[in-house]
Amino acid sequence: MRIVDLQTPARLYAVTETESVYGGRSFSFAGTDITWGDFKPDAPVAETTTEGDAFVVQAADFICRSAAGMARGGRLNLKGFDWTIISLDEGADGAVRVRLERIHL
């Protein structure tokens, strides 16, 4: 992967977990890093629930050089939108493909 292909900055938000004094757990997102990659969004798809509520699902690939700090369930903020990390896989050339998804109403 060439550096010139990495044109889109993304802020990484990692999931942090804390335990309450009563033994419960709470999860939050903490901004950790900015990474650069090649952002390839798919076309949005409109869907409806059995109750008739409509929503839009959009998937995307973010190709970058490293998955340091990224994990399934974390978030990337790209172009003003929060995307959930669905999966990560490394190609033979060392590039990392991060599969993203966002749902909006």
PDB file of N, CA and C in Angstrom:
ATOM      1  N   MET A   1       0.845  -1.174   0.000  1.00  0.00           N
ATOM      2  CA  MET A   1       0.000   0.000   0.000  1.00  0.00           C
ATOM      3  C   MET A   1       0.890   1.236   0.000  1.00  0.00           C
ATOM      4  N   ARG A   2       0.603   2.128  -0.911  1.00  0.00           N
ATOM      5  CA  ARG A   2       1.393   3.349  -1.032  1.00  0.00           C
ATOM      6  C   ARG A   2       0.815   4.442  -0.135  1.00  0.00           C
ATOM      7  N   ILE A   3       1.666   5.287   0.370  1.00  0.00           N
ATOM      8  CA  ILE A   3       1.246   6.370   1.262  1.00  0.00           C
ATOM      9  C   ILE A   3       0.292   7.325   0.548  1.00  0.00           C
ATOM     10  N   VAL A   4       0.438   7.481  -0.765  1.00  0.00           N
ATOM     11  CA  VAL A   4      -0.414   8.385  -1.525  1.00  0.00           C
ATOM     12  C   VAL A   4      -1.871   7.882  -1.564  1.00  0.00           C
ATOM     13  N   ASP A   5      -2.087   6.578  -1.334  1.00  0.00           N
ATOM     14  CA  ASP A   5      -3.442   6.014  -1.324  1.00  0.00           C
ATOM     15  C   ASP A   5      -4.190   6.309  -0.023  1.00  0.00           C
ATOM     16  N   LEU A   6      -3.479   6.743   0.998  1.00  0.00           N
ATOM     17  CA  LEU A   6      -4.077   6.967   2.316  1.00  0.00           C
ATOM     18  C   LEU A   6      -4.494   8.428   2.440  1.00  0.00           C
ATOM     19  N   GLN A   7      -5.666   8.760   1.926  1.00  0.00           N
ATOM     20  CA  GLN A   7      -6.106  10.151   1.829  1.00  0.00           C
ATOM     21  C   GLN A   7      -7.146  10.558   2.860  1.00  0.00           C
ATOM     22  N   THR A   8      -7.691   9.605   3.620  1.00  0.00           N
ATOM     23  CA  THR A   8      -8.787   9.923   4.531  1.00  0.00           C
ATOM     24  C   THR A   8      -8.366   9.733   5.986  1.00  0.00           C
ATOM     25  N   PRO A   9      -8.425  10.795   6.790  1.00  0.00           N
ATOM     26  CA  PRO A   9      -8.128  10.636   8.214  1.00  0.00           C
ATOM     27  C   PRO A   9      -9.342  10.085   8.959  1.00  0.00           C
ATOM     28  N   ALA A  10      -9.084   9.270   9.962  1.00  0.00           N
ATOM     29  CA  ALA A  10     -10.161   8.711  10.785  1.00  0.00           C
ATOM     30  C   ALA A  10      -9.719   8.731  12.241  1.00  0.00           C
ATOM     31  N   ARG A  11     -10.599   9.217  13.122  1.00  0.00           N
ATOM     32  CA  ARG A  11     -10.313   9.185  14.559  1.00  0.00           C
ATOM     33  C   ARG A  11     -10.812   7.853  15.097  1.00  0.00           C
ATOM     34  N   LEU A  12      -9.927   7.169  15.806  1.00  0.00           N
ATOM     35  CA  LEU A  12     -10.249   5.875  16.406  1.00  0.00           C
ATOM     36  C   LEU A  12     -10.783   6.078  17.813  1.00  0.00           C
ATOM     37  N   TYR A  13     -11.910   5.452  18.097  1.00  0.00           N
ATOM     38  CA  TYR A  13     -12.495   5.440  19.433  1.00  0.00           C
ATOM     39  C   TYR A  13     -12.504   3.997  19.925  1.00  0.00           C
ATOM     40  N   ALA A  14     -11.735   3.721  20.960  1.00  0.00           N
ATOM     41  CA  ALA A  14     -11.664   2.380  21.522  1.00  0.00           C
ATOM     42  C   ALA A  14     -12.697   2.228  22.633  1.00  0.00           C
ATOM     43  N   VAL A  15     -13.185   1.025  22.805  1.00  0.00           N
ATOM     44  CA  VAL A  15     -14.153   0.733  23.859  1.00  0.00           C
ATOM     45  C   VAL A  15     -13.405   0.589  25.183  1.00  0.00           C
ATOM     46  N   THR A  16     -13.847   1.336  26.186  1.00  0.00           N
ATOM     47  CA  THR A  16     -13.286   1.181  27.530  1.00  0.00           C
ATOM     48  C   THR A  16     -14.383   0.648  28.447  1.00  0.00           C
ATOM     49  N   GLU A  17     -13.987  -0.218  29.351  1.00  0.00           N
ATOM     50  CA  GLU A  17     -14.935  -0.861  30.254  1.00  0.00           C
ATOM     51  C   GLU A  17     -14.557  -0.521  31.688  1.00  0.00           C
ATOM     52  N   THR A  18     -15.543  -0.122  32.474  1.00  0.00           N
ATOM     53  CA  THR A  18     -15.302   0.160  33.887  1.00  0.00           C
ATOM     54  C   THR A  18     -16.322  -0.603  34.719  1.00  0.00           C
ATOM     55  N   GLU A  19     -15.888  -0.970  35.920  1.00  0.00           N
ATOM     56  CA  GLU A  19     -16.767  -1.691  36.828  1.00  0.00           C
ATOM     57  C   GLU A  19     -17.301  -0.726  37.881  1.00  0.00           C
ATOM     58  N   SER A  20     -18.607  -0.822  38.148  1.00  0.00           N
ATOM     59  CA  SER A  20     -19.209   0.043  39.155  1.00  0.00           C
ATOM     60  C   SER A  20     -18.952  -0.545  40.539  1.00  0.00           C
ATOM     61  N   VAL A  21     -19.236   0.231  41.580  1.00  0.00           N
ATOM     62  CA  VAL A  21     -19.040  -0.248  42.948  1.00  0.00           C
ATOM     63  C   VAL A  21     -19.992  -1.391  43.282  1.00  0.00           C
ATOM     64  N   TYR A  22     -21.046  -1.554  42.483  1.00  0.00           N
ATOM     65  CA  TYR A  22     -22.023  -2.612  42.721  1.00  0.00           C
ATOM     66  C   TYR A  22     -21.764  -3.857  41.860  1.00  0.00           C
ATOM     67  N   GLY A  23     -20.658  -3.861  41.117  1.00  0.00           N
ATOM     68  CA  GLY A  23     -20.298  -5.021  40.315  1.00  0.00           C
ATOM     69  C   GLY A  23     -20.794  -4.976  38.884  1.00  0.00           C
ATOM     70  N   GLY A  24     -21.506  -3.941  38.508  1.00  0.00           N
ATOM     71  CA  GLY A  24     -21.972  -3.800  37.126  1.00  0.00           C
ATOM     72  C   GLY A  24     -20.853  -3.294  36.233  1.00  0.00           C
ATOM     73  N   ARG A  25     -21.089  -3.286  34.979  1.00  0.00           N
ATOM     74  CA  ARG A  25     -20.098  -2.809  34.016  1.00  0.00           C
ATOM     75  C   ARG A  25     -20.719  -1.728  33.139  1.00  0.00           C
ATOM     76  N   SER A  26     -19.911  -0.739  32.817  1.00  0.00           N
ATOM     77  CA  SER A  26     -20.350   0.270  31.858  1.00  0.00           C
ATOM     78  C   SER A  26     -19.282   0.395  30.781  1.00  0.00           C
ATOM     79  N   PHE A  27     -19.738   0.674  29.584  1.00  0.00           N
ATOM     80  CA  PHE A  27     -18.853   0.770  28.442  1.00  0.00           C
ATOM     81  C   PHE A  27     -18.951   2.172  27.863  1.00  0.00           C
ATOM     82  N   SER A  28     -17.813   2.704  27.445  1.00  0.00           N
ATOM     83  CA  SER A  28     -17.795   4.018  26.808  1.00  0.00           C
ATOM     84  C   SER A  28     -16.705   4.025  25.741  1.00  0.00           C
ATOM     85  N   PHE A  29     -16.715   5.051  24.925  1.00  0.00           N
ATOM     86  CA  PHE A  29     -15.731   5.177  23.860  1.00  0.00           C
ATOM     87  C   PHE A  29     -14.780   6.312  24.199  1.00  0.00           C
ATOM     88  N   ALA A  30     -13.491   6.039  24.067  1.00  0.00           N
ATOM     89  CA  ALA A  30     -12.468   7.040  24.329  1.00  0.00           C
ATOM     90  C   ALA A  30     -11.651   7.251  23.052  1.00  0.00           C
ATOM     91  N   GLY A  31     -11.530   8.500  22.623  1.00  0.00           N
ATOM     92  CA  GLY A  31     -10.725   8.810  21.443  1.00  0.00           C
ATOM     93  C   GLY A  31      -9.265   8.519  21.712  1.00  0.00           C
ATOM     94  N   THR A  32      -8.633   7.761  20.823  1.00  0.00           N
ATOM     95  CA  THR A  32      -7.255   7.367  21.070  1.00  0.00           C
ATOM     96  C   THR A  32      -6.276   7.879  20.026  1.00  0.00           C
ATOM     97  N   ASP A  33      -6.601   7.738  18.761  1.00  0.00           N
ATOM     98  CA  ASP A  33      -5.622   7.993  17.712  1.00  0.00           C
ATOM     99  C   ASP A  33      -6.296   8.498  16.445  1.00  0.00           C
ATOM    100  N   ILE A  34      -5.472   9.004  15.549  1.00  0.00           N
ATOM    101  CA  ILE A  34      -5.937   9.304  14.191  1.00  0.00           C
ATOM    102  C   ILE A  34      -5.120   8.426  13.258  1.00  0.00           C
ATOM    103  N   THR A  35      -5.807   7.759  12.351  1.00  0.00           N
ATOM    104  CA  THR A  35      -5.147   6.906  11.370  1.00  0.00           C
ATOM    105  C   THR A  35      -5.592   7.338   9.978  1.00  0.00           C
ATOM    106  N   TRP A  36      -4.767   7.086   8.998  1.00  0.00           N
ATOM    107  CA  TRP A  36      -5.066   7.461   7.625  1.00  0.00           C
ATOM    108  C   TRP A  36      -5.301   6.210   6.803  1.00  0.00           C
ATOM    109  N   GLY A  37      -6.267   6.280   5.878  1.00  0.00           N
ATOM    110  CA  GLY A  37      -6.547   5.124   5.046  1.00  0.00           C
ATOM    111  C   GLY A  37      -7.291   5.500   3.785  1.00  0.00           C
ATOM    112  N   ASP A  38      -7.659   4.473   3.051  1.00  0.00           N
ATOM    113  CA  ASP A  38      -8.439   4.613   1.822  1.00  0.00           C
ATOM    114  C   ASP A  38      -9.868   4.204   2.166  1.00  0.00           C
ATOM    115  N   PHE A  39     -10.794   5.159   2.122  1.00  0.00           N
ATOM    116  CA  PHE A  39     -12.180   4.960   2.539  1.00  0.00           C
ATOM    117  C   PHE A  39     -13.039   4.638   1.324  1.00  0.00           C
ATOM    118  N   LYS A  40     -13.740   3.484   1.373  1.00  0.00           N
ATOM    119  CA  LYS A  40     -14.576   3.036   0.258  1.00  0.00           C
ATOM    120  C   LYS A  40     -15.971   2.687   0.772  1.00  0.00           C
ATOM    121  N   PRO A  41     -16.885   3.671   0.809  1.00  0.00           N
ATOM    122  CA  PRO A  41     -18.233   3.383   1.299  1.00  0.00           C
ATOM    123  C   PRO A  41     -19.080   2.675   0.242  1.00  0.00           C
ATOM    124  N   ASP A  42     -19.959   1.781   0.693  1.00  0.00           N
ATOM    125  CA  ASP A  42     -20.950   1.133  -0.169  1.00  0.00           C
ATOM    126  C   ASP A  42     -22.178   2.046  -0.236  1.00  0.00           C
ATOM    127  N   ALA A  43     -23.071   1.738  -1.140  1.00  0.00           N
ATOM    128  CA  ALA A  43     -24.323   2.495  -1.243  1.00  0.00           C
ATOM    129  C   ALA A  43     -25.207   2.176  -0.036  1.00  0.00           C
ATOM    130  N   PRO A  44     -25.878   3.174   0.538  1.00  0.00           N
ATOM    131  CA  PRO A  44     -26.784   2.931   1.660  1.00  0.00           C
ATOM    132  C   PRO A  44     -27.965   2.053   1.224  1.00  0.00           C
ATOM    133  N   VAL A  45     -28.463   1.242   2.174  1.00  0.00           N
ATOM    134  CA  VAL A  45     -29.591   0.358   1.901  1.00  0.00           C
ATOM    135  C   VAL A  45     -30.687   0.640   2.924  1.00  0.00           C
ATOM    136  N   ALA A  46     -31.892   0.951   2.446  1.00  0.00           N
ATOM    137  CA  ALA A  46     -33.034   1.197   3.337  1.00  0.00           C
ATOM    138  C   ALA A  46     -33.643  -0.142   3.750  1.00  0.00           C
ATOM    139  N   GLU A  47     -33.932  -0.272   5.042  1.00  0.00           N
ATOM    140  CA  GLU A  47     -34.547  -1.486   5.569  1.00  0.00           C
ATOM    141  C   GLU A  47     -35.675  -1.103   6.513  1.00  0.00           C
ATOM    142  N   THR A  48     -36.552  -2.047   6.790  1.00  0.00           N
ATOM    143  CA  THR A  48     -37.639  -1.811   7.742  1.00  0.00           C
ATOM    144  C   THR A  48     -37.721  -2.979   8.714  1.00  0.00           C
ATOM    145  N   THR A  49     -38.182  -2.684   9.921  1.00  0.00           N
ATOM    146  CA  THR A  49     -38.390  -3.720  10.923  1.00  0.00           C
ATOM    147  C   THR A  49     -39.770  -4.330  10.725  1.00  0.00           C
ATOM    148  N   THR A  50     -40.069  -5.394  11.455  1.00  0.00           N
ATOM    149  CA  THR A  50     -41.393  -6.014  11.356  1.00  0.00           C
ATOM    150  C   THR A  50     -42.483  -5.074  11.858  1.00  0.00           C
ATOM    151  N   GLU A  51     -42.108  -4.094  12.700  1.00  0.00           N
ATOM    152  CA  GLU A  51     -43.066  -3.104  13.198  1.00  0.00           C
ATOM    153  C   GLU A  51     -43.268  -1.956  12.220  1.00  0.00           C
ATOM    154  N   GLY A  52     -42.512  -1.942  11.121  1.00  0.00           N
ATOM    155  CA  GLY A  52     -42.669  -0.896  10.118  1.00  0.00           C
ATOM    156  C   GLY A  52     -41.743   0.294  10.274  1.00  0.00           C
ATOM    157  N   ASP A  53     -40.826   0.253  11.243  1.00  0.00           N
ATOM    158  CA  ASP A  53     -39.862   1.340  11.409  1.00  0.00           C
ATOM    159  C   ASP A  53     -38.789   1.243  10.329  1.00  0.00           C
ATOM    160  N   ALA A  54     -38.472   2.368   9.722  1.00  0.00           N
ATOM    161  CA  ALA A  54     -37.479   2.388   8.649  1.00  0.00           C
ATOM    162  C   ALA A  54     -36.139   2.890   9.168  1.00  0.00           C
ATOM    163  N   PHE A  55     -35.060   2.334   8.621  1.00  0.00           N
ATOM    164  CA  PHE A  55     -33.713   2.787   8.934  1.00  0.00           C
ATOM    165  C   PHE A  55     -32.823   2.493   7.737  1.00  0.00           C
ATOM    166  N   VAL A  56     -31.639   3.109   7.734  1.00  0.00           N
ATOM    167  CA  VAL A  56     -30.704   2.938   6.632  1.00  0.00           C
ATOM    168  C   VAL A  56     -29.419   2.334   7.167  1.00  0.00           C
ATOM    169  N   VAL A  57     -28.934   1.295   6.483  1.00  0.00           N
ATOM    170  CA  VAL A  57     -27.672   0.639   6.836  1.00  0.00           C
ATOM    171  C   VAL A  57     -26.685   0.929   5.723  1.00  0.00           C
ATOM    172  N   GLN A  58     -25.486   1.319   6.113  1.00  0.00           N
ATOM    173  CA  GLN A  58     -24.445   1.559   5.128  1.00  0.00           C
ATOM    174  C   GLN A  58     -23.174   0.869   5.595  1.00  0.00           C
ATOM    175  N   ALA A  59     -22.527   0.161   4.700  1.00  0.00           N
ATOM    176  CA  ALA A  59     -21.268  -0.518   4.990  1.00  0.00           C
ATOM    177  C   ALA A  59     -20.142   0.196   4.249  1.00  0.00           C
ATOM    178  N   ALA A  60     -18.909  -0.048   4.688  1.00  0.00           N
ATOM    179  CA  ALA A  60     -17.752   0.563   4.039  1.00  0.00           C
ATOM    180  C   ALA A  60     -16.510  -0.245   4.361  1.00  0.00           C
ATOM    181  N   ASP A  61     -15.499  -0.085   3.536  1.00  0.00           N
ATOM    182  CA  ASP A  61     -14.169  -0.625   3.805  1.00  0.00           C
ATOM    183  C   ASP A  61     -13.233   0.542   4.056  1.00  0.00           C
ATOM    184  N   PHE A  62     -12.358   0.373   5.021  1.00  0.00           N
ATOM    185  CA  PHE A  62     -11.314   1.355   5.297  1.00  0.00           C
ATOM    186  C   PHE A  62     -10.005   0.582   5.237  1.00  0.00           C
ATOM    187  N   ILE A  63      -9.203   0.845   4.218  1.00  0.00           N
ATOM    188  CA  ILE A  63      -7.942   0.132   4.018  1.00  0.00           C
ATOM    189  C   ILE A  63      -6.821   0.991   4.597  1.00  0.00           C
ATOM    190  N   CYS A  64      -6.057   0.410   5.535  1.00  0.00           N
ATOM    191  CA  CYS A  64      -4.983   1.167   6.188  1.00  0.00           C
ATOM    192  C   CYS A  64      -3.757   0.267   6.371  1.00  0.00           C
ATOM    193  N   ARG A  65      -2.705   0.819   6.916  1.00  0.00           N
ATOM    194  CA  ARG A  65      -1.455   0.082   7.077  1.00  0.00           C
ATOM    195  C   ARG A  65      -1.374  -0.713   8.380  1.00  0.00           C
ATOM    196  N   SER A  66      -2.127  -0.308   9.387  1.00  0.00           N
ATOM    197  CA  SER A  66      -2.013  -0.950  10.686  1.00  0.00           C
ATOM    198  C   SER A  66      -3.359  -0.952  11.401  1.00  0.00           C
ATOM    199  N   ALA A  67      -3.590  -2.001  12.165  1.00  0.00           N
ATOM    200  CA  ALA A  67      -4.814  -2.096  12.958  1.00  0.00           C
ATOM    201  C   ALA A  67      -4.508  -1.845  14.433  1.00  0.00           C
ATOM    202  N   ALA A  68      -3.405  -1.188  14.716  1.00  0.00           N
ATOM    203  CA  ALA A  68      -3.010  -0.925  16.102  1.00  0.00           C
ATOM    204  C   ALA A  68      -4.105  -0.163  16.833  1.00  0.00           C
ATOM    205  N   GLY A  69      -4.572  -0.730  17.927  1.00  0.00           N
ATOM    206  CA  GLY A  69      -5.606  -0.102  18.738  1.00  0.00           C
ATOM    207  C   GLY A  69      -7.020  -0.369  18.263  1.00  0.00           C
ATOM    208  N   MET A  70      -7.191  -0.958  17.105  1.00  0.00           N
ATOM    209  CA  MET A  70      -8.530  -1.234  16.581  1.00  0.00           C
ATOM    210  C   MET A  70      -8.994  -2.607  17.048  1.00  0.00           C
ATOM    211  N   ALA A  71     -10.285  -2.699  17.311  1.00  0.00           N
ATOM    212  CA  ALA A  71     -10.885  -3.968  17.703  1.00  0.00           C
ATOM    213  C   ALA A  71     -12.335  -3.990  17.266  1.00  0.00           C
ATOM    214  N   ARG A  72     -12.839  -5.170  17.080  1.00  0.00           N
ATOM    215  CA  ARG A  72     -14.253  -5.331  16.720  1.00  0.00           C
ATOM    216  C   ARG A  72     -15.107  -4.654  17.791  1.00  0.00           C
ATOM    217  N   GLY A  73     -16.076  -3.855  17.369  1.00  0.00           N
ATOM    218  CA  GLY A  73     -16.926  -3.122  18.299  1.00  0.00           C
ATOM    219  C   GLY A  73     -16.461  -1.700  18.556  1.00  0.00           C
ATOM    220  N   GLY A  74     -15.217  -1.383  18.182  1.00  0.00           N
ATOM    221  CA  GLY A  74     -14.718  -0.021  18.319  1.00  0.00           C
ATOM    222  C   GLY A  74     -15.350   0.878  17.260  1.00  0.00           C
ATOM    223  N   ARG A  75     -14.959   2.123  17.237  1.00  0.00           N
ATOM    224  CA  ARG A  75     -15.537   3.063  16.270  1.00  0.00           C
ATOM    225  C   ARG A  75     -14.455   3.861  15.582  1.00  0.00           C
ATOM    226  N   LEU A  76     -14.748   4.220  14.342  1.00  0.00           N
ATOM    227  CA  LEU A  76     -13.946   5.176  13.598  1.00  0.00           C
ATOM    228  C   LEU A  76     -14.867   6.324  13.211  1.00  0.00           C
ATOM    229  N   ASN A  77     -14.392   7.548  13.388  1.00  0.00           N
ATOM    230  CA  ASN A  77     -15.143   8.704  12.939  1.00  0.00           C
ATOM    231  C   ASN A  77     -14.511   9.160  11.638  1.00  0.00           C
ATOM    232  N   LEU A  78     -15.289   9.036  10.553  1.00  0.00           N
ATOM    233  CA  LEU A  78     -14.836   9.382   9.214  1.00  0.00           C
ATOM    234  C   LEU A  78     -15.777  10.400   8.607  1.00  0.00           C
ATOM    235  N   LYS A  79     -15.248  11.503   8.156  1.00  0.00           N
ATOM    236  CA  LYS A  79     -16.039  12.522   7.454  1.00  0.00           C
ATOM    237  C   LYS A  79     -17.274  12.937   8.235  1.00  0.00           C
ATOM    238  N   GLY A  80     -17.147  13.003   9.561  1.00  0.00           N
ATOM    239  CA  GLY A  80     -18.229  13.476  10.407  1.00  0.00           C
ATOM    240  C   GLY A  80     -19.224  12.429  10.865  1.00  0.00           C
ATOM    241  N   PHE A  81     -19.029  11.174  10.488  1.00  0.00           N
ATOM    242  CA  PHE A  81     -19.945  10.111  10.882  1.00  0.00           C
ATOM    243  C   PHE A  81     -19.220   9.046  11.684  1.00  0.00           C
ATOM    244  N   ASP A  82     -19.911   8.463  12.653  1.00  0.00           N
ATOM    245  CA  ASP A  82     -19.355   7.363  13.445  1.00  0.00           C
ATOM    246  C   ASP A  82     -19.670   6.042  12.771  1.00  0.00           C
ATOM    247  N   TRP A  83     -18.650   5.237  12.561  1.00  0.00           N
ATOM    248  CA  TRP A  83     -18.771   3.924  11.940  1.00  0.00           C
ATOM    249  C   TRP A  83     -18.325   2.873  12.953  1.00  0.00           C
ATOM    250  N   THR A  84     -19.075   1.794  13.086  1.00  0.00           N
ATOM    251  CA  THR A  84     -18.727   0.702  13.983  1.00  0.00           C
ATOM    252  C   THR A  84     -17.836  -0.293  13.245  1.00  0.00           C
ATOM    253  N   ILE A  85     -16.763  -0.738  13.914  1.00  0.00           N
ATOM    254  CA  ILE A  85     -15.860  -1.726  13.326  1.00  0.00           C
ATOM    255  C   ILE A  85     -16.516  -3.102  13.440  1.00  0.00           C
ATOM    256  N   ILE A  86     -16.763  -3.712  12.288  1.00  0.00           N
ATOM    257  CA  ILE A  86     -17.403  -5.019  12.227  1.00  0.00           C
ATOM    258  C   ILE A  86     -16.360  -6.133  12.177  1.00  0.00           C
ATOM    259  N   SER A  87     -15.306  -5.935  11.382  1.00  0.00           N
ATOM    260  CA  SER A  87     -14.253  -6.950  11.277  1.00  0.00           C
ATOM    261  C   SER A  87     -12.965  -6.317  10.786  1.00  0.00           C
ATOM    262  N   LEU A  88     -11.858  -7.042  11.000  1.00  0.00           N
ATOM    263  CA  LEU A  88     -10.537  -6.621  10.551  1.00  0.00           C
ATOM    264  C   LEU A  88      -9.860  -7.825   9.914  1.00  0.00           C
ATOM    265  N   ASP A  89      -9.203  -7.614   8.787  1.00  0.00           N
ATOM    266  CA  ASP A  89      -8.393  -8.690   8.229  1.00  0.00           C
ATOM    267  C   ASP A  89      -7.202  -8.108   7.493  1.00  0.00           C
ATOM    268  N   GLU A  90      -6.106  -8.849   7.510  1.00  0.00           N
ATOM    269  CA  GLU A  90      -4.868  -8.385   6.914  1.00  0.00           C
ATOM    270  C   GLU A  90      -4.638  -9.107   5.600  1.00  0.00           C
ATOM    271  N   GLY A  91      -4.310  -8.339   4.570  1.00  0.00           N
ATOM    272  CA  GLY A  91      -4.033  -8.904   3.255  1.00  0.00           C
ATOM    273  C   GLY A  91      -2.607  -9.407   3.154  1.00  0.00           C
ATOM    274  N   ALA A  92      -2.303 -10.092   2.074  1.00  0.00           N
ATOM    275  CA  ALA A  92      -0.965 -10.633   1.847  1.00  0.00           C
ATOM    276  C   ALA A  92       0.079  -9.523   1.729  1.00  0.00           C
ATOM    277  N   ASP A  93      -0.352  -8.330   1.294  1.00  0.00           N
ATOM    278  CA  ASP A  93       0.577  -7.210   1.156  1.00  0.00           C
ATOM    279  C   ASP A  93       0.777  -6.441   2.456  1.00  0.00           C
ATOM    280  N   GLY A  94       0.127  -6.875   3.547  1.00  0.00           N
ATOM    281  CA  GLY A  94       0.269  -6.213   4.841  1.00  0.00           C
ATOM    282  C   GLY A  94      -0.772  -5.145   5.104  1.00  0.00           C
ATOM    283  N   ALA A  95      -1.571  -4.796   4.100  1.00  0.00           N
ATOM    284  CA  ALA A  95      -2.625  -3.799   4.296  1.00  0.00           C
ATOM    285  C   ALA A  95      -3.749  -4.414   5.133  1.00  0.00           C
ATOM    286  N   VAL A  96      -4.375  -3.582   5.948  1.00  0.00           N
ATOM    287  CA  VAL A  96      -5.449  -4.046   6.819  1.00  0.00           C
ATOM    288  C   VAL A  96      -6.774  -3.517   6.268  1.00  0.00           C
ATOM    289  N   ARG A  97      -7.732  -4.423   6.067  1.00  0.00           N
ATOM    290  CA  ARG A  97      -9.073  -4.028   5.631  1.00  0.00           C
ATOM    291  C   ARG A  97      -9.965  -4.031   6.859  1.00  0.00           C
ATOM    292  N   VAL A  98     -10.497  -2.858   7.172  1.00  0.00           N
ATOM    293  CA  VAL A  98     -11.412  -2.704   8.297  1.00  0.00           C
ATOM    294  C   VAL A  98     -12.815  -2.589   7.704  1.00  0.00           C
ATOM    295  N   ARG A  99     -13.678  -3.527   8.047  1.00  0.00           N
ATOM    296  CA  ARG A  99     -15.065  -3.499   7.554  1.00  0.00           C
ATOM    297  C   ARG A  99     -15.879  -2.701   8.552  1.00  0.00           C
ATOM    298  N   LEU A 100     -16.593  -1.678   8.057  1.00  0.00           N
ATOM    299  CA  LEU A 100     -17.345  -0.751   8.902  1.00  0.00           C
ATOM    300  C   LEU A 100     -18.817  -0.794   8.564  1.00  0.00           C
ATOM    301  N   GLU A 101     -19.630  -0.303   9.524  1.00  0.00           N
ATOM    302  CA  GLU A 101     -21.065  -0.204   9.300  1.00  0.00           C
ATOM    303  C   GLU A 101     -21.611   0.949  10.117  1.00  0.00           C
ATOM    304  N   ARG A 102     -22.615   1.623   9.563  1.00  0.00           N
ATOM    305  CA  ARG A 102     -23.326   2.638  10.324  1.00  0.00           C
ATOM    306  C   ARG A 102     -24.801   2.499  10.018  1.00  0.00           C
ATOM    307  N   ILE A 103     -25.596   2.759  11.033  1.00  0.00           N
ATOM    308  CA  ILE A 103     -27.049   2.686  10.909  1.00  0.00           C
ATOM    309  C   ILE A 103     -27.600   4.046  11.273  1.00  0.00           C
ATOM    310  N   HIS A 104     -28.446   4.592  10.416  1.00  0.00           N
ATOM    311  CA  HIS A 104     -29.052   5.890  10.729  1.00  0.00           C
ATOM    312  C   HIS A 104     -30.527   5.854  10.384  1.00  0.00           C
ATOM    313  N   LEU A 105     -31.261   6.677  11.088  1.00  0.00           N
ATOM    314  CA  LEU A 105     -32.721   6.696  10.919  1.00  0.00           C
ATOM    315  C   LEU A 105     -33.142   7.712   9.896  1.00  0.00           C
TER     316      LEU A 105
END
